[in-house]
Amino acid sequence: HDPVELRSLVKGDLDWVVQCALESDRDRRYESAAALARDVQRVLENRPVEARPPSTIYRTGKFLRRHRVGTAAAAAVLAAIVTGVTISVNALRGKRDQGVVLTDVLEAARGVTGDIAGAETATSLERRINAAFGDDSPILVGALSYFADGLAREGDMDEALDARRRALRVSERIYGLTDRETILARSAFGLHLIRMGDLESGRRALQTAIDADRSRDGERLAARNEARLSLAKLHEVEGDLATAAALANEADEVARTFASGDRLLRVDALEVLVDLRRRGTDDEATARTWRTLLQEYEKLLAPGYPLLLRERVEFGSWLASNGRTEDAARELLRALRDLDAVGEAPVDLELSTLRALNEVFSQDMALADDVEAKTLLDRELEVTTRGLDRSSPDYLDTLDRMSEELAKRGELGRSTELLVERYSAYSETTSNSLGALPARTMLARELADRADFIGRQDDLDPRAYVAARSANDLALPSRPDDTEMLLTKARLSIRVGEPTAFFGILDQLKKASDMEGDHPMLLAMQSIAWYQTPITQRLARKTLVEAQKLAREPQFATSALLHETLA
């Protein structure tokens, strides 16, 4: 093949794989056919290949692309081998057309469709590979491993375990107990056991792999950090946090020391460390580790990337829960700035950021003045209304929390309006189902209590009185004969400047109670209504005096509500 034609076939990662396979320097060439097979598999899975220099931009691109592209082709190279596409190890090492052979394999593998395993078993696959390449060929370890991956994805965990066990046994025969390939195979075997629920056997296999890795001269196997971290999580579940932290710290050290170009390995270790430290008592160590994790994310991801923002919001919320509100506000404000710079952000992410920030400002009101706090509350309300369904629990919970926050900031009118909207939304979306009745009754009681509180206050913003009247009107049908709610309705009709409606309410009050004739409560309420009009103020004073006189009689002496109204 012409070199130009060959280059058009093998671009990007495959180009690096071909060059590594053709490398004349033994130290820079693939150490085994299995290593070559693994790199071809990485091409198919959009994972970083070993043949390529591990720059941060390159590995980050692979990281992001891997989350977008499925891994259904994970066993494609194996499928090509099983369906008859064979690679001669001697050809790969001794002929000048390895690049063409490798390209043919990749193209054939990409063309394979359907069930990769079919009726194949680990036993029959091992027999096929041995027939094609000779007993204990290095390619057998990789082939069995890919076969196990495919079986596991299909849910055949028992057959996959047999393939893992065979891959480990072959690797031990070929490479020995402490070779990189054997450590990789043993770690995969241990992890598979854990996924199948055999925690003790899995733990032993992982510990053996880690011990073998520690005994190796020179570079430690950063790729086996998965074993370290999985074992750490097992110890965490069992409550042995010290051993778990030691393993996670070792994984972090290995990532920093031997794989400095691969930041993802350190991210994995730091994520486990953060979880472990959060369960401990050293908050300062937790904060320090979490900040380091965020710094690693920043080196991998753009400032507005959702994964980074969610981690920062979670960190800010944790800081707030531990009383470090100033640090929390700083992290959350930064998250909000980065979010705004993105433009169109996910609604749930914007909501969680605003919610966390508003909760911090509620926890420590000195961190933001009323204008800034109300602006953020308004924004959260706008995003909630735009992004959440009125029937969702999150929508109702947000209205409740924001109502409380606005009340704390002196916004009683707006606070009450949100309670009204919460009751309306719940009532409309639950209809008249019996299961919703207790909750609806409770919400009505909250409306009535708020309306009663506002009705007793002087000199409030008119918006508060109007909202309170709406709240009381919504709550009243649940208890139409409630004397206190009718009195609240009467007071609020005066507060909103509608004294003419007052006398109709008095008639309702008479029907709902045993008040009749010259009852001091009725007289007191009449005097309040008449006092709103200058022409009847004299009559109002006269009526009030009569009410006060009657209130002193023994049968009314213990009525707190009456004496409060007269006052």
Protein backbone atom coordinates (compact mmCIF):
# COMPACT_ATOMS: atom_id res chain seq x y z
CA HIS A 1 0.00 0.00 0.00
CA ASP A 2 1.05 3.54 -0.74
CA PRO A 3 1.92 5.44 2.50
CA VAL A 4 -0.58 8.17 1.67
CA GLU A 5 -3.32 5.58 1.16
CA LEU A 6 -2.40 3.88 4.44
CA ARG A 7 -2.49 7.17 6.35
CA SER A 8 -5.98 7.87 5.01
CA LEU A 9 -7.09 4.57 6.55
CA VAL A 10 -5.44 4.96 9.94
CA LYS A 11 -6.11 8.38 11.37
CA GLY A 12 -5.89 9.75 14.88
CA ASP A 13 -5.52 7.13 17.60
CA LEU A 14 -5.24 4.24 15.16
CA ASP A 15 -2.30 6.01 13.54
CA TRP A 16 -0.53 6.03 16.92
CA VAL A 17 -1.35 2.35 17.42
CA VAL A 18 0.12 1.44 14.05
CA GLN A 19 3.28 3.44 14.67
CA CYS A 20 3.75 1.78 18.05
CA ALA A 21 3.26 -1.69 16.54
CA LEU A 22 5.84 -0.87 13.80
CA GLU A 23 8.34 0.68 16.23
CA SER A 24 11.82 -0.83 15.75
CA ASP A 25 12.90 0.05 19.31
CA ARG A 26 11.77 -2.86 21.51
CA ASP A 27 11.35 -0.61 24.57
CA ARG A 28 8.95 1.62 22.67
CA ARG A 29 7.04 -1.17 20.91
CA TYR A 30 4.05 -2.99 22.41
CA GLU A 31 5.29 -5.43 25.04
CA SER A 32 2.85 -8.13 23.91
CA ALA A 33 0.13 -8.91 21.40
CA ALA A 34 -2.36 -8.55 24.25
CA ALA A 35 -1.17 -4.99 24.82
CA LEU A 36 -1.71 -4.26 21.14
CA ALA A 37 -5.20 -5.81 21.29
CA ARG A 38 -6.07 -3.66 24.30
CA ASP A 39 -5.11 -0.48 22.48
CA VAL A 40 -7.26 -1.43 19.49
CA GLN A 41 -10.10 -1.95 21.96
CA ARG A 42 -9.45 1.51 23.40
CA VAL A 43 -9.81 2.97 19.91
CA LEU A 44 -13.24 1.37 19.65
CA GLU A 45 -14.30 2.64 23.08
CA ASN A 46 -13.00 6.21 22.61
CA ARG A 47 -10.56 5.70 25.49
CA PRO A 48 -7.03 7.10 25.60
CA VAL A 49 -4.56 4.73 23.91
CA GLU A 50 -1.23 3.84 25.50
CA ALA A 51 0.55 4.43 22.20
CA ARG A 52 -0.18 8.14 22.31
CA PRO A 53 1.45 10.76 24.52
CA PRO A 54 -1.08 11.41 27.34
CA SER A 55 -1.58 15.18 27.05
CA THR A 56 -4.26 16.72 29.27
CA ILE A 57 -6.32 18.01 26.33
CA TYR A 58 -6.19 14.60 24.63
CA ARG A 59 -7.23 12.60 27.71
CA THR A 60 -9.92 15.12 28.66
CA GLY A 61 -11.38 14.90 25.17
CA LYS A 62 -11.54 11.14 25.53
CA PHE A 63 -13.16 11.48 28.95
CA LEU A 64 -15.95 13.70 27.64
CA ARG A 65 -16.46 11.75 24.42
CA ARG A 66 -16.66 8.47 26.33
CA HIS A 67 -19.72 9.75 28.16
CA ARG A 68 -21.40 10.55 24.86
CA VAL A 69 -20.67 7.39 22.90
CA GLY A 70 -21.95 3.99 24.02
CA THR A 71 -19.67 1.04 24.65
CA ALA A 72 -21.58 -1.55 22.66
CA ALA A 73 -18.42 -2.22 20.59
CA ALA A 74 -16.35 -3.17 23.65
CA ALA A 75 -15.78 -6.72 22.40
CA ALA A 76 -15.51 -5.92 18.70
CA VAL A 77 -11.89 -7.01 18.32
CA LEU A 78 -12.71 -10.30 20.00
CA ALA A 79 -15.70 -10.71 17.69
CA ALA A 80 -13.41 -10.27 14.74
CA ILE A 81 -11.09 -12.97 16.08
CA VAL A 82 -13.97 -15.35 16.85
CA THR A 83 -15.48 -14.88 13.37
CA GLY A 84 -12.27 -15.78 11.65
CA VAL A 85 -10.15 -12.63 11.46
CA THR A 86 -6.80 -13.77 12.88
CA ILE A 87 -3.57 -11.91 13.49
CA SER A 88 -0.27 -13.68 13.29
CA VAL A 89 2.02 -12.59 16.11
CA ASN A 90 5.00 -13.28 13.90
CA ALA A 91 3.47 -11.15 11.16
CA LEU A 92 2.93 -8.28 13.55
CA ARG A 93 6.53 -8.48 14.74
CA GLY A 94 8.31 -9.48 11.61
CA LYS A 95 6.55 -8.04 8.58
CA ARG A 96 6.49 -4.48 7.31
CA ASP A 97 2.76 -4.50 6.53
CA GLN A 98 1.53 -4.67 10.17
CA GLY A 99 -0.32 -1.41 9.68
CA VAL A 100 -2.37 -2.88 6.84
CA VAL A 101 -3.15 -6.01 8.89
CA LEU A 102 -4.20 -3.92 11.89
CA THR A 103 -6.40 -1.72 9.71
CA ASP A 104 -8.07 -4.79 8.21
CA VAL A 105 -8.80 -6.13 11.69
CA LEU A 106 -10.31 -2.88 12.84
CA GLU A 107 -12.49 -2.57 9.75
CA ALA A 108 -13.63 -6.18 10.11
CA ALA A 109 -14.36 -5.69 13.80
CA ARG A 110 -16.43 -2.62 13.12
CA GLY A 111 -18.50 -4.61 10.65
CA VAL A 112 -19.45 -7.29 13.17
CA THR A 113 -23.05 -7.05 14.40
CA GLY A 114 -25.37 -9.06 16.62
CA ASP A 115 -24.62 -11.00 19.76
CA ILE A 116 -20.84 -11.12 20.14
CA ALA A 117 -20.94 -14.16 22.34
CA GLY A 118 -23.58 -16.26 20.60
CA ALA A 119 -23.17 -19.87 21.67
CA GLU A 120 -19.48 -19.28 22.51
CA THR A 121 -18.22 -20.13 25.99
CA ALA A 122 -14.97 -19.28 27.69
CA THR A 123 -13.87 -22.90 27.21
CA SER A 124 -14.59 -22.97 23.46
CA LEU A 125 -13.05 -19.52 22.97
CA GLU A 126 -9.84 -20.62 24.69
CA ARG A 127 -9.77 -23.69 22.42
CA ARG A 128 -10.20 -21.50 19.28
CA ILE A 129 -7.47 -19.07 20.26
CA ASN A 130 -5.04 -21.87 21.12
CA ALA A 131 -5.75 -23.50 17.75
CA ALA A 132 -5.13 -20.24 15.90
CA PHE A 133 -2.12 -18.93 17.84
CA GLY A 134 -0.72 -21.89 19.75
CA ASP A 135 -1.02 -22.73 23.44
CA ASP A 136 -0.79 -19.86 25.92
CA SER A 137 -0.58 -17.15 23.28
CA PRO A 138 -0.42 -13.66 24.86
CA ILE A 139 -3.45 -12.65 22.83
CA LEU A 140 -5.56 -15.14 24.81
CA VAL A 141 -5.50 -13.01 27.98
CA GLY A 142 -6.91 -9.98 26.20
CA ALA A 143 -9.41 -12.05 24.21
CA LEU A 144 -10.82 -13.72 27.33
CA SER A 145 -11.01 -10.35 29.09
CA TYR A 146 -12.98 -8.76 26.24
CA PHE A 147 -15.19 -11.83 26.09
CA ALA A 148 -15.92 -11.44 29.82
CA ASP A 149 -16.81 -7.77 29.31
CA GLY A 150 -19.36 -8.68 26.66
CA LEU A 151 -20.89 -11.46 28.74
CA ALA A 152 -21.20 -9.17 31.75
CA ARG A 153 -22.99 -6.56 29.65
CA GLU A 154 -25.39 -9.27 28.49
CA GLY A 155 -26.00 -10.28 32.13
CA ASP A 156 -24.28 -13.68 31.98
CA MET A 157 -22.18 -13.05 35.08
CA ASP A 158 -21.32 -16.71 35.77
CA GLU A 159 -19.85 -17.34 32.31
CA ALA A 160 -18.10 -13.95 32.50
CA LEU A 161 -16.53 -15.02 35.82
CA ASP A 162 -15.23 -18.20 34.18
CA ALA A 163 -13.66 -16.10 31.42
CA ARG A 164 -12.01 -13.82 34.03
CA ARG A 165 -10.68 -16.85 35.91
CA ARG A 166 -9.24 -18.36 32.72
CA ALA A 167 -7.64 -15.03 31.73
CA LEU A 168 -5.98 -14.84 35.16
CA ARG A 169 -4.74 -18.44 34.99
CA VAL A 170 -3.25 -17.96 31.49
CA SER A 171 -1.62 -14.67 32.54
CA GLU A 172 0.00 -16.34 35.54
CA ARG A 173 1.47 -19.06 33.30
CA ILE A 174 2.73 -16.63 30.68
CA TYR A 175 3.85 -13.63 32.72
CA GLY A 176 4.18 -14.76 36.33
CA LEU A 177 2.47 -13.60 39.51
CA THR A 178 3.77 -10.02 39.72
CA ASP A 179 3.72 -9.00 36.08
CA ARG A 180 1.56 -6.09 35.02
CA GLU A 181 -0.73 -8.31 32.93
CA THR A 182 -1.40 -10.65 35.84
CA ILE A 183 -2.09 -7.80 38.24
CA LEU A 184 -4.57 -6.37 35.75
CA ALA A 185 -6.26 -9.74 35.25
CA ARG A 186 -6.43 -10.45 39.00
CA SER A 187 -7.92 -7.02 39.72
CA ALA A 188 -10.59 -7.52 37.04
CA PHE A 189 -11.34 -10.96 38.54
CA GLY A 190 -11.67 -9.49 42.05
CA LEU A 191 -13.92 -6.67 40.91
CA HIS A 192 -16.15 -9.14 39.10
CA LEU A 193 -16.47 -11.24 42.26
CA ILE A 194 -17.52 -8.16 44.21
CA ARG A 195 -20.16 -7.29 41.61
CA MET A 196 -21.52 -10.82 41.99
CA GLY A 197 -21.77 -10.36 45.75
CA ASP A 198 -18.79 -12.51 46.80
CA LEU A 199 -17.19 -9.74 48.82
CA GLU A 200 -14.71 -11.85 50.74
CA SER A 201 -13.24 -13.61 47.69
CA GLY A 202 -13.22 -10.33 45.80
CA ARG A 203 -11.42 -8.62 48.66
CA ARG A 204 -8.72 -11.33 48.73
CA ALA A 205 -8.17 -11.07 44.98
CA LEU A 206 -7.92 -7.29 45.07
CA GLN A 207 -5.58 -7.33 48.06
CA THR A 208 -3.32 -9.87 46.33
CA ALA A 209 -3.23 -7.66 43.20
CA ILE A 210 -2.39 -4.57 45.27
CA ASP A 211 0.33 -6.40 47.22
CA ALA A 212 1.85 -7.61 43.94
CA ASP A 213 1.75 -4.08 42.58
CA ARG A 214 3.53 -2.77 45.69
CA SER A 215 6.26 -5.39 45.29
CA ARG A 216 7.13 -4.35 41.74
CA ASP A 217 10.38 -2.52 41.13
CA GLY A 218 10.06 0.90 39.61
CA GLU A 219 6.76 2.30 38.42
CA ARG A 220 3.61 1.35 40.29
CA LEU A 221 0.54 0.44 38.29
CA ALA A 222 -1.65 3.50 38.23
CA ALA A 223 -4.16 1.50 36.20
CA ARG A 224 -4.81 -0.66 39.28
CA ASN A 225 -6.13 2.27 41.25
CA GLU A 226 -9.58 0.88 40.52
CA ALA A 227 -8.67 -2.11 42.70
CA ARG A 228 -7.39 0.12 45.48
CA LEU A 229 -10.48 2.30 45.41
CA SER A 230 -12.88 -0.64 45.22
CA LEU A 231 -11.19 -2.22 48.21
CA ALA A 232 -11.36 1.13 50.00
CA LYS A 233 -15.11 1.26 49.44
CA LEU A 234 -15.48 -2.25 50.85
CA HIS A 235 -13.67 -1.21 54.02
CA GLU A 236 -15.83 1.92 54.18
CA VAL A 237 -19.03 -0.14 54.05
CA GLU A 238 -17.70 -2.29 56.88
CA GLY A 239 -16.89 0.80 58.96
CA ASP A 240 -13.09 0.52 58.73
CA LEU A 241 -12.59 4.12 57.66
CA ALA A 242 -8.89 4.18 58.56
CA THR A 243 -7.98 1.33 56.19
CA ALA A 244 -10.27 2.76 53.52
CA ALA A 245 -8.60 6.17 53.79
CA ALA A 246 -5.14 4.60 53.63
CA LEU A 247 -6.00 2.82 50.37
CA ALA A 248 -7.57 5.95 48.87
CA ASN A 249 -4.53 8.00 49.89
CA GLU A 250 -2.28 5.40 48.26
CA ALA A 251 -4.35 5.63 45.08
CA ASP A 252 -3.99 9.41 45.15
CA GLU A 253 -0.23 9.12 45.70
CA VAL A 254 0.13 6.67 42.82
CA ALA A 255 -1.90 8.97 40.57
CA ARG A 256 0.23 11.98 41.50
CA THR A 257 3.58 10.20 41.35
CA PHE A 258 3.32 7.74 38.48
CA ALA A 259 0.51 9.09 36.34
CA SER A 260 0.82 12.84 36.58
CA GLY A 261 -0.30 13.19 32.98
CA ASP A 262 -3.55 11.37 33.68
CA ARG A 263 -5.62 13.67 35.88
CA LEU A 264 -8.64 11.39 35.70
CA LEU A 265 -6.87 8.83 37.87
CA ARG A 266 -6.36 11.44 40.55
CA VAL A 267 -9.95 12.62 40.25
CA ASP A 268 -11.12 9.07 40.93
CA ALA A 269 -8.98 8.85 44.05
CA LEU A 270 -9.97 12.28 45.34
CA GLU A 271 -13.68 11.57 44.89
CA VAL A 272 -13.38 8.53 47.15
CA LEU A 273 -11.26 10.49 49.63
CA VAL A 274 -13.86 13.24 49.84
CA ASP A 275 -16.60 10.71 50.60
CA LEU A 276 -14.45 9.14 53.31
CA ARG A 277 -13.46 12.44 54.91
CA ARG A 278 -17.09 13.60 55.00
CA ARG A 279 -17.82 10.64 57.26
CA GLY A 280 -15.04 11.64 59.61
CA THR A 281 -14.67 14.53 62.05
CA ASP A 282 -11.84 16.51 60.49
CA ASP A 283 -13.78 19.19 58.61
CA GLU A 284 -10.64 21.06 57.68
CA ALA A 285 -9.14 17.99 55.99
CA THR A 286 -12.44 17.43 54.17
CA ALA A 287 -12.50 21.01 52.89
CA ARG A 288 -8.86 20.81 51.82
CA THR A 289 -9.37 17.55 49.91
CA TRP A 290 -12.57 18.83 48.30
CA ARG A 291 -10.83 22.01 47.11
CA THR A 292 -8.08 19.88 45.59
CA LEU A 293 -10.71 17.81 43.77
CA LEU A 294 -12.28 21.00 42.38
CA GLN A 295 -8.85 22.18 41.23
CA GLU A 296 -8.37 18.91 39.35
CA TYR A 297 -11.80 19.29 37.77
CA GLU A 298 -10.86 22.82 36.69
CA LYS A 299 -7.81 21.48 34.88
CA LEU A 300 -9.99 19.01 32.98
CA LEU A 301 -13.21 20.92 32.39
CA ALA A 302 -14.37 24.35 31.24
CA PRO A 303 -15.59 26.67 34.06
CA GLY A 304 -19.26 26.27 33.14
CA TYR A 305 -19.22 22.51 32.66
CA PRO A 306 -22.18 20.98 34.60
CA LEU A 307 -20.10 18.29 36.33
CA LEU A 308 -17.78 20.93 37.79
CA LEU A 309 -20.63 23.24 38.78
CA ARG A 310 -22.58 20.48 40.52
CA GLU A 311 -19.51 19.51 42.51
CA ARG A 312 -18.94 23.13 43.55
CA VAL A 313 -22.58 23.52 44.61
CA GLU A 314 -22.38 20.33 46.67
CA PHE A 315 -19.18 21.59 48.29
CA GLY A 316 -20.81 24.94 49.08
CA SER A 317 -23.82 23.22 50.63
CA TRP A 318 -21.53 21.05 52.76
CA LEU A 319 -19.64 24.12 53.97
CA ALA A 320 -22.93 25.76 54.96
CA SER A 321 -24.08 22.65 56.82
CA ASN A 322 -20.89 22.87 58.88
CA GLY A 323 -21.41 26.52 59.76
CA ARG A 324 -18.83 27.90 57.31
CA THR A 325 -21.34 30.21 55.67
CA GLU A 326 -18.85 32.79 54.38
CA ASP A 327 -16.82 30.12 52.55
CA ALA A 328 -20.06 28.56 51.32
CA ALA A 329 -21.31 31.85 49.89
CA ARG A 330 -18.00 32.38 48.10
CA GLU A 331 -18.13 28.95 46.41
CA LEU A 332 -21.81 29.24 45.48
CA LEU A 333 -21.49 32.77 44.10
CA ARG A 334 -18.62 31.57 41.94
CA ALA A 335 -20.77 28.69 40.72
CA LEU A 336 -23.55 31.13 39.86
CA ARG A 337 -21.17 33.42 37.95
CA ASP A 338 -19.81 30.48 35.95
CA LEU A 339 -23.37 29.34 35.32
CA ASP A 340 -24.38 32.76 34.02
CA ALA A 341 -21.37 32.81 31.71
CA VAL A 342 -22.59 29.61 30.04
CA GLY A 343 -25.80 31.21 28.80
CA GLU A 344 -28.50 28.56 28.60
CA ALA A 345 -27.88 26.41 31.68
CA PRO A 346 -29.78 23.28 32.76
CA VAL A 347 -32.79 24.34 34.81
CA ASP A 348 -32.14 21.85 37.59
CA LEU A 349 -28.55 23.05 37.97
CA GLU A 350 -29.58 26.71 38.06
CA LEU A 351 -32.26 25.90 40.63
CA SER A 352 -29.95 23.89 42.88
CA THR A 353 -27.36 26.68 42.80
CA LEU A 354 -29.88 29.39 43.64
CA ARG A 355 -31.54 27.25 46.31
CA ALA A 356 -28.22 26.54 48.03
CA LEU A 357 -27.19 30.20 47.89
CA ASN A 358 -30.51 31.45 49.24
CA GLU A 359 -30.34 28.95 52.08
CA VAL A 360 -26.87 30.24 53.00
CA PHE A 361 -28.13 33.85 53.03
CA SER A 362 -31.04 32.73 55.19
CA GLN A 363 -28.67 30.96 57.57
CA ASP A 364 -26.44 34.04 57.85
CA MET A 365 -28.45 37.13 56.93
CA ALA A 366 -25.42 39.40 57.38
CA LEU A 367 -23.83 37.97 54.22
CA ALA A 368 -26.26 39.78 51.90
CA ASP A 369 -28.31 42.94 52.19
CA ASP A 370 -32.06 42.83 51.65
CA VAL A 371 -31.83 44.00 48.04
CA GLU A 372 -29.35 41.30 47.01
CA ALA A 373 -31.19 38.61 48.96
CA LYS A 374 -34.59 39.51 47.48
CA THR A 375 -33.10 39.64 43.98
CA LEU A 376 -31.82 36.09 44.32
CA LEU A 377 -35.14 34.93 45.80
CA ASP A 378 -36.96 36.53 42.87
CA ARG A 379 -34.67 34.74 40.45
CA GLU A 380 -35.21 31.38 42.13
CA LEU A 381 -38.96 31.95 42.01
CA GLU A 382 -38.79 32.80 38.31
CA VAL A 383 -36.75 29.69 37.49
CA THR A 384 -39.06 27.56 39.65
CA THR A 385 -42.15 28.86 37.85
CA ARG A 386 -40.53 28.41 34.45
CA GLY A 387 -38.86 25.07 35.02
CA LEU A 388 -41.04 23.02 37.38
CA ASP A 389 -44.51 21.58 37.01
CA ARG A 390 -47.04 23.00 39.48
CA SER A 391 -47.89 19.50 40.65
CA SER A 392 -44.32 18.55 41.52
CA PRO A 393 -43.29 18.30 45.20
CA ASP A 394 -40.21 20.41 44.43
CA TYR A 395 -42.44 23.25 43.21
CA LEU A 396 -44.55 23.19 46.38
CA ASP A 397 -41.54 22.87 48.67
CA THR A 398 -39.83 25.80 46.97
CA LEU A 399 -42.89 28.02 47.44
CA ASP A 400 -43.03 27.08 51.12
CA ARG A 401 -39.35 27.80 51.71
CA MET A 402 -39.38 31.06 49.78
CA SER A 403 -42.50 32.21 51.61
CA GLU A 404 -40.65 31.73 54.88
CA GLU A 405 -37.58 33.58 53.60
CA LEU A 406 -39.59 36.56 52.37
CA ALA A 407 -41.41 36.77 55.69
CA LYS A 408 -38.05 36.90 57.47
CA ARG A 409 -37.06 39.77 55.18
CA GLY A 410 -40.25 41.69 56.01
CA GLU A 411 -42.08 40.88 52.75
CA LEU A 412 -45.32 39.64 54.35
CA GLY A 413 -47.44 40.42 51.30
CA ARG A 414 -45.33 38.46 48.82
CA SER A 415 -44.78 35.74 51.37
CA THR A 416 -48.54 35.28 51.77
CA GLU A 417 -49.08 35.31 48.01
CA LEU A 418 -46.72 32.33 47.73
CA LEU A 419 -48.69 30.46 50.39
CA VAL A 420 -51.86 31.17 48.42
CA GLU A 421 -50.23 29.85 45.23
CA ARG A 422 -49.00 26.74 47.05
CA TYR A 423 -52.51 25.96 48.31
CA SER A 424 -54.06 26.64 44.88
CA ALA A 425 -51.49 24.50 43.04
CA TYR A 426 -51.91 21.59 45.44
CA SER A 427 -55.71 21.77 45.35
CA GLU A 428 -55.86 21.96 41.56
CA THR A 429 -53.44 19.10 40.95
CA THR A 430 -54.84 16.70 43.57
CA SER A 431 -58.53 17.31 42.82
CA ASN A 432 -60.81 16.01 45.58
CA SER A 433 -59.04 12.74 46.35
CA LEU A 434 -59.47 11.54 49.91
CA GLY A 435 -55.74 10.91 50.24
CA ALA A 436 -54.99 14.58 49.66
CA LEU A 437 -57.54 15.85 52.18
CA PRO A 438 -55.29 15.86 55.30
CA ALA A 439 -52.55 17.80 53.52
CA ARG A 440 -55.04 20.24 52.02
CA THR A 441 -56.58 20.81 55.47
CA MET A 442 -53.15 21.48 56.93
CA LEU A 443 -52.33 23.99 54.17
CA ALA A 444 -55.69 25.71 54.76
CA ARG A 445 -54.87 25.99 58.46
CA GLU A 446 -51.56 27.68 57.59
CA LEU A 447 -53.40 30.16 55.36
CA ALA A 448 -55.89 30.92 58.14
CA ASP A 449 -53.12 31.45 60.70
CA ARG A 450 -51.24 33.80 58.39
CA ALA A 451 -54.42 35.78 57.59
CA ASP A 452 -55.26 36.06 61.29
CA PHE A 453 -51.75 37.30 62.10
CA ILE A 454 -51.79 39.97 59.40
CA GLY A 455 -55.35 41.04 60.26
CA ARG A 456 -54.22 41.93 63.79
CA GLN A 457 -51.29 44.08 62.61
CA ASP A 458 -51.48 47.83 62.02
CA ASP A 459 -49.68 49.88 59.38
CA LEU A 460 -48.64 47.04 57.08
CA ASP A 461 -48.21 47.35 53.33
CA PRO A 462 -51.71 47.18 51.71
CA ARG A 463 -50.37 44.26 49.64
CA ALA A 464 -50.13 42.21 52.83
CA TYR A 465 -53.79 42.82 53.76
CA VAL A 466 -55.02 41.97 50.25
CA ALA A 467 -52.98 38.76 50.21
CA ALA A 468 -54.21 37.87 53.69
CA ARG A 469 -57.84 38.31 52.63
CA SER A 470 -57.23 35.97 49.67
CA ALA A 471 -55.62 33.46 52.02
CA ASN A 472 -58.54 33.59 54.45
CA ASP A 473 -61.10 33.28 51.64
CA LEU A 474 -59.34 30.12 50.38
CA ALA A 475 -59.19 28.61 53.84
CA LEU A 476 -62.74 29.46 54.96
CA PRO A 477 -64.60 26.78 52.91
CA SER A 478 -62.73 24.09 54.83
CA ARG A 479 -64.34 25.41 58.06
CA PRO A 480 -67.22 27.69 57.06
CA ASP A 481 -68.59 28.01 60.60
CA ASP A 482 -65.27 28.87 62.24
CA THR A 483 -65.92 32.00 64.32
CA GLU A 484 -62.29 33.10 64.40
CA MET A 485 -61.92 32.85 60.63
CA LEU A 486 -65.09 34.86 60.12
CA LEU A 487 -63.80 37.52 62.52
CA THR A 488 -60.52 37.58 60.56
CA LYS A 489 -62.49 38.03 57.36
CA ALA A 490 -64.36 40.93 58.94
CA ARG A 491 -61.15 42.61 60.10
CA LEU A 492 -59.52 42.25 56.71
CA SER A 493 -62.52 43.71 54.90
CA ILE A 494 -61.91 46.84 56.96
CA ARG A 495 -58.14 46.70 56.34
CA VAL A 496 -58.58 46.61 52.57
CA GLY A 497 -61.08 49.48 52.63
CA GLU A 498 -64.32 47.56 52.02
CA PRO A 499 -66.44 48.31 55.13
CA THR A 500 -69.69 47.71 53.24
CA ALA A 501 -68.83 44.01 52.98
CA PHE A 502 -68.46 43.95 56.73
CA PHE A 503 -72.16 43.75 57.59
CA GLY A 504 -72.67 40.72 55.37
CA ILE A 505 -69.88 39.01 57.26
CA LEU A 506 -71.59 39.90 60.54
CA ASP A 507 -74.68 38.04 59.36
CA GLN A 508 -72.51 34.98 58.64
CA LEU A 509 -71.00 35.33 62.10
CA LYS A 510 -74.43 35.36 63.76
CA LYS A 511 -75.45 32.18 61.92
CA ALA A 512 -72.20 30.39 62.73
CA SER A 513 -72.24 31.20 66.46
CA ASP A 514 -74.56 31.68 69.37
CA MET A 515 -74.16 35.45 69.17
CA GLU A 516 -77.38 37.34 68.85
CA GLY A 517 -78.93 40.61 69.83
CA ASP A 518 -76.64 42.92 71.76
CA HIS A 519 -73.70 40.56 72.02
CA PRO A 520 -70.58 42.63 72.88
CA MET A 521 -68.56 41.00 70.09
CA LEU A 522 -71.14 41.98 67.48
CA LEU A 523 -71.32 45.49 68.88
CA ALA A 524 -67.54 45.79 68.89
CA MET A 525 -67.33 44.69 65.26
CA GLN A 526 -70.13 47.10 64.27
CA SER A 527 -68.31 49.97 65.94
CA ILE A 528 -65.16 49.16 63.94
CA ALA A 529 -67.13 49.19 60.68
CA TRP A 530 -68.99 52.41 61.45
CA TYR A 531 -65.77 54.14 62.43
CA GLN A 532 -64.45 53.84 58.86
CA THR A 533 -66.93 56.50 57.65
CA PRO A 534 -66.77 60.03 59.15
CA ILE A 535 -70.55 60.44 59.21
CA THR A 536 -70.99 57.35 61.43
CA GLN A 537 -67.98 57.77 63.71
CA ARG A 538 -70.08 59.21 66.55
CA LEU A 539 -72.35 56.17 66.39
CA ALA A 540 -69.25 53.95 66.36
CA ARG A 541 -67.97 55.46 69.62
CA LYS A 542 -71.35 55.10 71.30
CA THR A 543 -71.60 51.46 70.18
CA LEU A 544 -68.11 50.72 71.43
CA VAL A 545 -68.91 52.08 74.89
CA GLU A 546 -71.98 49.84 75.04
CA ALA A 547 -69.90 46.83 73.97
CA GLN A 548 -67.30 47.52 76.65
CA LYS A 549 -70.00 47.77 79.30
CA LEU A 550 -71.54 44.43 78.30
CA ALA A 551 -68.11 42.78 78.16
CA ARG A 552 -67.69 43.32 81.89
CA GLU A 553 -70.59 41.02 82.67
CA PRO A 554 -69.54 37.63 84.18
CA GLN A 555 -70.48 35.48 81.20
CA PHE A 556 -68.06 37.42 78.94
CA ALA A 557 -65.21 37.98 81.42
CA THR A 558 -63.15 34.99 80.22
CA SER A 559 -63.42 35.64 76.47
CA ALA A 560 -59.89 36.54 75.43
CA LEU A 561 -60.92 37.05 71.81
CA LEU A 562 -63.61 39.53 72.82
CA HIS A 563 -61.31 41.63 74.99
CA GLU A 564 -58.61 41.57 72.31
CA THR A 565 -61.13 42.87 69.77
CA LEU A 566 -62.27 45.64 72.12
CA ALA A 567 -58.69 46.67 72.74
